[in-house]
Amino acid sequence: MPATLTRIVLNRSHPAARNDLRDRVNLHKTLMRLLDSPTGPNPRKSGGLLFRLEHAPDPFLLVQTAQSPKLGGLPAGYGTLATRDLTPLLTALTAGLNVRYRITAAATASVPSAPKAGNQRRARGTDVLLEGHDAIGWWQRRAAAAGLGLTGPVTAAPEPFASPKRPAPFFKLTQFDGTATITDSDALHAALRDGIGKGKTYGAGLLTLMPA
């Protein structure tokens, strides 16, 4: 699974960076410029683009791509960039290894909608945001499916960068932190490659790990 992680410390005096901090839809469009000739019906997925905005005195982005990013695609002066190959880390992620994890995710559940009068077909469900213990339960199930056995308490906090310009229920994401033991490296590599949950266009789903 080739992958690259790029850290972008945003230049908040740059108009495009300021705008992207307010508008996740536009941020996604900016980061898509890192992909070299994305193709297919889902260019984000084919390019392996996942990202997370990290809260800090100088906010920064972590951006994962399947190949080396086209750094010149970003606006000049957008931020300070540093890129690293994830291959050594991914090779080290084997069953039994203890890790620390972080993921900002869209913890959602589908609630069945009432069928319209005269329509016998099952109505499409509506995604609703999960919070508190329900959100933690969502992550516990997703972590197990991703090859992680959680080994300590889960910290779940609202993402600091709530964006009203994301459509509901993705306007507010949840950041999960904690420790785990790898139980299935193949499942974990797939989760790292594809991301976890919905809302990947809006900064959800990027799982990052480091040995504990």
C-alpha atoms as a PDB file:
ATOM      1  CA  MET A   1       0.000   0.000   0.000  1.00  0.00           C
ATOM      2  CA  PRO A   2       2.056   3.007  -1.164  1.00  0.00           C
ATOM      3  CA  ALA A   3       1.088   6.184   0.679  1.00  0.00           C
ATOM      4  CA  THR A   4       2.489   9.593   1.467  1.00  0.00           C
ATOM      5  CA  LEU A   5       1.645  11.910   4.347  1.00  0.00           C
ATOM      6  CA  THR A   6       2.009  15.655   3.867  1.00  0.00           C
ATOM      7  CA  ARG A   7       1.949  18.125   6.765  1.00  0.00           C
ATOM      8  CA  ILE A   8       0.806  21.618   5.808  1.00  0.00           C
ATOM      9  CA  VAL A   9       1.151  24.377   8.409  1.00  0.00           C
ATOM     10  CA  LEU A  10      -1.391  26.865   7.147  1.00  0.00           C
ATOM     11  CA  ASN A  11      -0.483  30.479   6.503  1.00  0.00           C
ATOM     12  CA  ARG A  12      -3.474  32.189   8.080  1.00  0.00           C
ATOM     13  CA  SER A  13      -2.590  35.473   6.399  1.00  0.00           C
ATOM     14  CA  HIS A  14      -3.187  33.803   3.017  1.00  0.00           C
ATOM     15  CA  PRO A  15      -6.764  34.445   1.791  1.00  0.00           C
ATOM     16  CA  ALA A  16      -7.198  30.918   0.384  1.00  0.00           C
ATOM     17  CA  ALA A  17      -6.039  29.330   3.663  1.00  0.00           C
ATOM     18  CA  ARG A  18      -8.366  31.543   5.717  1.00  0.00           C
ATOM     19  CA  ASN A  19     -11.263  30.666   3.461  1.00  0.00           C
ATOM     20  CA  ASP A  20     -10.495  26.943   3.647  1.00  0.00           C
ATOM     21  CA  LEU A  21     -10.495  27.044   7.454  1.00  0.00           C
ATOM     22  CA  ARG A  22     -14.105  28.253   7.274  1.00  0.00           C
ATOM     23  CA  ASP A  23     -15.332  26.092   4.413  1.00  0.00           C
ATOM     24  CA  ARG A  24     -14.525  22.366   4.265  1.00  0.00           C
ATOM     25  CA  VAL A  25     -16.070  21.936   0.831  1.00  0.00           C
ATOM     26  CA  ASN A  26     -13.630  24.485  -0.550  1.00  0.00           C
ATOM     27  CA  LEU A  27     -10.772  22.937   1.463  1.00  0.00           C
ATOM     28  CA  HIS A  28     -11.437  19.611  -0.221  1.00  0.00           C
ATOM     29  CA  LYS A  29     -11.296  21.282  -3.630  1.00  0.00           C
ATOM     30  CA  THR A  30      -7.956  22.886  -2.748  1.00  0.00           C
ATOM     31  CA  LEU A  31      -6.441  19.596  -1.563  1.00  0.00           C
ATOM     32  CA  MET A  32      -7.631  17.754  -4.666  1.00  0.00           C
ATOM     33  CA  ARG A  33      -5.061  19.886  -6.496  1.00  0.00           C
ATOM     34  CA  LEU A  34      -2.378  17.750  -4.835  1.00  0.00           C
ATOM     35  CA  LEU A  35      -3.426  14.759  -6.934  1.00  0.00           C
ATOM     36  CA  ASP A  36      -1.721  14.211 -10.255  1.00  0.00           C
ATOM     37  CA  SER A  37      -4.418  13.617 -12.900  1.00  0.00           C
ATOM     38  CA  PRO A  38      -7.055  11.938 -10.672  1.00  0.00           C
ATOM     39  CA  THR A  39      -9.373   9.690 -12.666  1.00  0.00           C
ATOM     40  CA  GLY A  40     -12.460   7.523 -12.354  1.00  0.00           C
ATOM     41  CA  PRO A  41     -15.954   8.141 -10.995  1.00  0.00           C
ATOM     42  CA  ASN A  42     -14.493   8.972  -7.563  1.00  0.00           C
ATOM     43  CA  PRO A  43     -11.240  10.903  -8.108  1.00  0.00           C
ATOM     44  CA  ARG A  44     -10.694  11.441  -4.356  1.00  0.00           C
ATOM     45  CA  LYS A  45     -10.819   7.714  -3.707  1.00  0.00           C
ATOM     46  CA  SER A  46      -8.679   6.791  -6.710  1.00  0.00           C
ATOM     47  CA  GLY A  47      -6.055   9.278  -5.547  1.00  0.00           C
ATOM     48  CA  GLY A  48      -6.218   8.020  -1.960  1.00  0.00           C
ATOM     49  CA  LEU A  49      -6.896  11.531  -0.626  1.00  0.00           C
ATOM     50  CA  LEU A  50      -7.706  11.695   3.088  1.00  0.00           C
ATOM     51  CA  PHE A  51      -7.096  14.675   5.340  1.00  0.00           C
ATOM     52  CA  ARG A  52      -7.468  15.975   8.873  1.00  0.00           C
ATOM     53  CA  LEU A  53      -7.250  19.498  10.236  1.00  0.00           C
ATOM     54  CA  GLU A  54      -5.304  19.616  13.502  1.00  0.00           C
ATOM     55  CA  HIS A  55      -5.954  22.195  16.194  1.00  0.00           C
ATOM     56  CA  ALA A  56      -2.779  24.043  17.252  1.00  0.00           C
ATOM     57  CA  PRO A  57      -1.568  27.629  17.722  1.00  0.00           C
ATOM     58  CA  ASP A  58      -0.690  27.331  14.023  1.00  0.00           C
ATOM     59  CA  PRO A  59      -3.359  25.009  12.596  1.00  0.00           C
ATOM     60  CA  PHE A  60      -2.021  22.359  10.255  1.00  0.00           C
ATOM     61  CA  LEU A  61      -3.334  19.764   7.861  1.00  0.00           C
ATOM     62  CA  LEU A  62      -2.343  16.125   7.603  1.00  0.00           C
ATOM     63  CA  VAL A  63      -2.994  14.978   4.054  1.00  0.00           C
ATOM     64  CA  GLN A  64      -2.600  11.376   2.910  1.00  0.00           C
ATOM     65  CA  THR A  65      -2.325  10.504  -0.773  1.00  0.00           C
ATOM     66  CA  ALA A  66      -1.702   7.235  -2.567  1.00  0.00           C
ATOM     67  CA  GLN A  67       1.255   8.695  -4.468  1.00  0.00           C
ATOM     68  CA  SER A  68       3.665  11.586  -3.976  1.00  0.00           C
ATOM     69  CA  PRO A  69       1.584  14.781  -3.968  1.00  0.00           C
ATOM     70  CA  LYS A  70       1.854  17.494  -6.599  1.00  0.00           C
ATOM     71  CA  LEU A  71       2.877  20.216  -4.142  1.00  0.00           C
ATOM     72  CA  GLY A  72       2.969  22.862  -6.852  1.00  0.00           C
ATOM     73  CA  GLY A  73      -0.776  22.462  -7.234  1.00  0.00           C
ATOM     74  CA  LEU A  74      -1.438  24.446  -4.055  1.00  0.00           C
ATOM     75  CA  PRO A  75      -1.704  28.240  -4.134  1.00  0.00           C
ATOM     76  CA  ALA A  76       1.670  29.972  -3.706  1.00  0.00           C
ATOM     77  CA  GLY A  77       2.234  30.863  -0.051  1.00  0.00           C
ATOM     78  CA  TYR A  78      -0.640  28.639   1.166  1.00  0.00           C
ATOM     79  CA  GLY A  79       1.491  27.089   3.914  1.00  0.00           C
ATOM     80  CA  THR A  80       4.709  25.352   4.922  1.00  0.00           C
ATOM     81  CA  LEU A  81       4.856  21.801   3.579  1.00  0.00           C
ATOM     82  CA  ALA A  82       6.710  18.658   4.627  1.00  0.00           C
ATOM     83  CA  THR A  83       6.158  15.240   3.041  1.00  0.00           C
ATOM     84  CA  ARG A  84       7.180  11.744   4.123  1.00  0.00           C
ATOM     85  CA  ASP A  85       6.808   8.259   2.737  1.00  0.00           C
ATOM     86  CA  LEU A  86       4.609   6.079   4.971  1.00  0.00           C
ATOM     87  CA  THR A  87       6.038   2.783   3.725  1.00  0.00           C
ATOM     88  CA  PRO A  88       8.392   2.185   6.709  1.00  0.00           C
ATOM     89  CA  LEU A  89       5.580   2.817   9.192  1.00  0.00           C
ATOM     90  CA  LEU A  90       3.122   0.612   7.327  1.00  0.00           C
ATOM     91  CA  THR A  91       5.665  -2.208   7.160  1.00  0.00           C
ATOM     92  CA  ALA A  92       6.093  -2.000  10.943  1.00  0.00           C
ATOM     93  CA  LEU A  93       2.351  -2.257  11.635  1.00  0.00           C
ATOM     94  CA  THR A  94       2.098  -5.975  12.377  1.00  0.00           C
ATOM     95  CA  ALA A  95      -0.192  -8.004  14.626  1.00  0.00           C
ATOM     96  CA  GLY A  96       0.634  -7.634  18.308  1.00  0.00           C
ATOM     97  CA  LEU A  97       2.134  -4.148  18.066  1.00  0.00           C
ATOM     98  CA  ASN A  98       0.842  -1.613  20.598  1.00  0.00           C
ATOM     99  CA  VAL A  99      -0.032   1.752  19.064  1.00  0.00           C
ATOM    100  CA  ARG A 100      -1.482   5.139  19.807  1.00  0.00           C
ATOM    101  CA  TYR A 101      -4.163   6.274  17.392  1.00  0.00           C
ATOM    102  CA  ARG A 102      -6.044   9.380  16.369  1.00  0.00           C
ATOM    103  CA  ILE A 103      -8.943   9.724  13.991  1.00  0.00           C
ATOM    104  CA  THR A 104     -11.429  12.495  13.328  1.00  0.00           C
ATOM    105  CA  ALA A 105     -14.541  10.753  12.110  1.00  0.00           C
ATOM    106  CA  ALA A 106     -18.187  11.182  11.243  1.00  0.00           C
ATOM    107  CA  ALA A 107     -19.845   8.983  13.864  1.00  0.00           C
ATOM    108  CA  THR A 108     -23.265   8.495  12.290  1.00  0.00           C
ATOM    109  CA  ALA A 109     -26.143   6.059  12.239  1.00  0.00           C
ATOM    110  CA  SER A 110     -28.853   5.581   9.655  1.00  0.00           C
ATOM    111  CA  VAL A 111     -32.364   6.144  11.001  1.00  0.00           C
ATOM    112  CA  PRO A 112     -35.158   4.617   8.864  1.00  0.00           C
ATOM    113  CA  SER A 113     -37.433   7.175   7.280  1.00  0.00           C
ATOM    114  CA  ALA A 114     -41.181   6.713   7.274  1.00  0.00           C
ATOM    115  CA  PRO A 115     -42.446   5.498   3.871  1.00  0.00           C
ATOM    116  CA  LYS A 116     -44.531   7.947   1.900  1.00  0.00           C
ATOM    117  CA  ALA A 117     -48.242   7.249   1.629  1.00  0.00           C
ATOM    118  CA  GLY A 118     -48.985   4.753  -1.125  1.00  0.00           C
ATOM    119  CA  ASN A 119     -45.333   3.812  -1.564  1.00  0.00           C
ATOM    120  CA  GLN A 120     -44.562   0.250  -0.481  1.00  0.00           C
ATOM    121  CA  ARG A 121     -40.842   0.560  -1.089  1.00  0.00           C
ATOM    122  CA  ARG A 122     -38.636   0.893   1.947  1.00  0.00           C
ATOM    123  CA  ALA A 123     -37.679   4.539   2.456  1.00  0.00           C
ATOM    124  CA  ARG A 124     -34.017   5.480   2.438  1.00  0.00           C
ATOM    125  CA  GLY A 125     -32.606   6.083   5.899  1.00  0.00           C
ATOM    126  CA  THR A 126     -31.369   9.419   7.172  1.00  0.00           C
ATOM    127  CA  ASP A 127     -27.866   9.796   8.624  1.00  0.00           C
ATOM    128  CA  VAL A 128     -27.845  11.301  12.112  1.00  0.00           C
ATOM    129  CA  LEU A 129     -24.902  12.419  14.212  1.00  0.00           C
ATOM    130  CA  LEU A 130     -23.911  10.283  17.199  1.00  0.00           C
ATOM    131  CA  GLU A 131     -22.489  11.891  20.319  1.00  0.00           C
ATOM    132  CA  GLY A 132     -21.197  10.849  23.749  1.00  0.00           C
ATOM    133  CA  HIS A 133     -21.366   7.133  24.568  1.00  0.00           C
ATOM    134  CA  ASP A 134     -23.091   6.408  21.245  1.00  0.00           C
ATOM    135  CA  ALA A 135     -20.168   7.919  19.337  1.00  0.00           C
ATOM    136  CA  ILE A 136     -17.669   5.922  21.407  1.00  0.00           C
ATOM    137  CA  GLY A 137     -19.625   2.727  20.719  1.00  0.00           C
ATOM    138  CA  TRP A 138     -19.525   3.537  17.004  1.00  0.00           C
ATOM    139  CA  TRP A 139     -15.736   3.896  17.143  1.00  0.00           C
ATOM    140  CA  GLN A 140     -15.273   0.707  19.173  1.00  0.00           C
ATOM    141  CA  ARG A 141     -17.106  -1.263  16.474  1.00  0.00           C
ATOM    142  CA  ARG A 142     -15.230   0.416  13.644  1.00  0.00           C
ATOM    143  CA  ALA A 143     -11.860  -0.055  15.346  1.00  0.00           C
ATOM    144  CA  ALA A 144     -12.473  -3.787  15.789  1.00  0.00           C
ATOM    145  CA  ALA A 145     -13.394  -4.116  12.106  1.00  0.00           C
ATOM    146  CA  ALA A 146     -10.208  -2.195  11.218  1.00  0.00           C
ATOM    147  CA  GLY A 147      -7.955  -4.669  13.038  1.00  0.00           C
ATOM    148  CA  LEU A 148      -7.493  -2.693  16.250  1.00  0.00           C
ATOM    149  CA  GLY A 149      -8.164  -4.049  19.732  1.00  0.00           C
ATOM    150  CA  LEU A 150      -8.671  -1.012  21.957  1.00  0.00           C
ATOM    151  CA  THR A 151      -6.627  -1.303  25.144  1.00  0.00           C
ATOM    152  CA  GLY A 152      -7.485   1.805  27.126  1.00  0.00           C
ATOM    153  CA  PRO A 153     -10.114   4.502  27.567  1.00  0.00           C
ATOM    154  CA  VAL A 154     -11.294   6.302  24.451  1.00  0.00           C
ATOM    155  CA  THR A 155     -11.120  10.087  24.422  1.00  0.00           C
ATOM    156  CA  ALA A 156     -13.916  11.484  22.263  1.00  0.00           C
ATOM    157  CA  ALA A 157     -14.186  15.237  21.763  1.00  0.00           C
ATOM    158  CA  PRO A 158     -15.932  17.455  19.226  1.00  0.00           C
ATOM    159  CA  GLU A 159     -13.575  18.544  16.483  1.00  0.00           C
ATOM    160  CA  PRO A 160     -12.454  22.118  17.228  1.00  0.00           C
ATOM    161  CA  PHE A 161     -13.096  23.231  13.659  1.00  0.00           C
ATOM    162  CA  ALA A 162     -16.863  22.843  13.339  1.00  0.00           C
ATOM    163  CA  SER A 163     -17.916  24.104   9.909  1.00  0.00           C
ATOM    164  CA  PRO A 164     -21.488  25.173   9.172  1.00  0.00           C
ATOM    165  CA  LYS A 165     -20.607  24.995   5.480  1.00  0.00           C
ATOM    166  CA  ARG A 166     -20.437  21.208   5.666  1.00  0.00           C
ATOM    167  CA  PRO A 167     -23.808  19.539   5.083  1.00  0.00           C
ATOM    168  CA  ALA A 168     -25.526  17.869   8.039  1.00  0.00           C
ATOM    169  CA  PRO A 169     -24.604  15.626   9.787  1.00  0.00           C
ATOM    170  CA  PHE A 170     -20.976  16.296   8.807  1.00  0.00           C
ATOM    171  CA  PHE A 171     -20.889  19.882  10.095  1.00  0.00           C
ATOM    172  CA  LYS A 172     -19.477  18.528  13.368  1.00  0.00           C
ATOM    173  CA  LEU A 173     -17.030  15.626  13.564  1.00  0.00           C
ATOM    174  CA  THR A 174     -15.625  13.738  16.568  1.00  0.00           C
ATOM    175  CA  GLN A 175     -11.941  13.246  17.341  1.00  0.00           C
ATOM    176  CA  PHE A 176     -11.063   9.896  18.932  1.00  0.00           C
ATOM    177  CA  ASP A 177      -7.736   9.264  20.682  1.00  0.00           C
ATOM    178  CA  GLY A 178      -6.418   6.284  22.615  1.00  0.00           C
ATOM    179  CA  THR A 179      -4.300   3.150  22.563  1.00  0.00           C
ATOM    180  CA  ALA A 180      -4.784  -0.191  20.858  1.00  0.00           C
ATOM    181  CA  THR A 181      -3.112  -3.452  19.877  1.00  0.00           C
ATOM    182  CA  ILE A 182      -3.061  -4.478  16.233  1.00  0.00           C
ATOM    183  CA  THR A 183      -5.072  -7.682  15.803  1.00  0.00           C
ATOM    184  CA  ASP A 184      -5.293  -7.909  11.996  1.00  0.00           C
ATOM    185  CA  SER A 185      -2.658  -6.107   9.926  1.00  0.00           C
ATOM    186  CA  ASP A 186      -4.443  -6.723   6.600  1.00  0.00           C
ATOM    187  CA  ALA A 187      -7.665  -5.151   7.866  1.00  0.00           C
ATOM    188  CA  LEU A 188      -5.690  -2.281   9.351  1.00  0.00           C
ATOM    189  CA  HIS A 189      -3.824  -1.559   6.123  1.00  0.00           C
ATOM    190  CA  ALA A 190      -7.140  -1.467   4.251  1.00  0.00           C
ATOM    191  CA  ALA A 191      -8.604   0.957   6.813  1.00  0.00           C
ATOM    192  CA  LEU A 192      -5.537   3.179   6.565  1.00  0.00           C
ATOM    193  CA  ARG A 193      -5.741   3.175   2.775  1.00  0.00           C
ATOM    194  CA  ASP A 194      -9.488   3.726   2.424  1.00  0.00           C
ATOM    195  CA  GLY A 195     -10.291   5.718   5.571  1.00  0.00           C
ATOM    196  CA  ILE A 196     -13.026   4.908   8.071  1.00  0.00           C
ATOM    197  CA  GLY A 197     -16.654   5.996   7.996  1.00  0.00           C
ATOM    198  CA  LYS A 198     -18.390   8.650   5.944  1.00  0.00           C
ATOM    199  CA  GLY A 199     -17.640  12.305   5.335  1.00  0.00           C
ATOM    200  CA  LYS A 200     -14.154  11.858   3.870  1.00  0.00           C
ATOM    201  CA  THR A 201     -14.730  14.854   1.593  1.00  0.00           C
ATOM    202  CA  TYR A 202     -15.131  16.989   4.725  1.00  0.00           C
ATOM    203  CA  GLY A 203     -12.012  15.931   6.632  1.00  0.00           C
ATOM    204  CA  ALA A 204     -13.206  12.684   8.226  1.00  0.00           C
ATOM    205  CA  GLY A 205     -11.784   9.170   8.188  1.00  0.00           C
ATOM    206  CA  LEU A 206      -8.000   9.611   8.262  1.00  0.00           C
ATOM    207  CA  LEU A 207      -6.528   7.187  10.841  1.00  0.00           C
ATOM    208  CA  THR A 208      -3.010   7.917  12.054  1.00  0.00           C
ATOM    209  CA  LEU A 209      -0.911   5.631  14.266  1.00  0.00           C
ATOM    210  CA  MET A 210       2.385   5.604  16.081  1.00  0.00           C
ATOM    211  CA  PRO A 211       4.012   2.848  18.169  1.00  0.00           C
ATOM    212  CA  ALA A 212       3.009   3.187  21.830  1.00  0.00           C
END
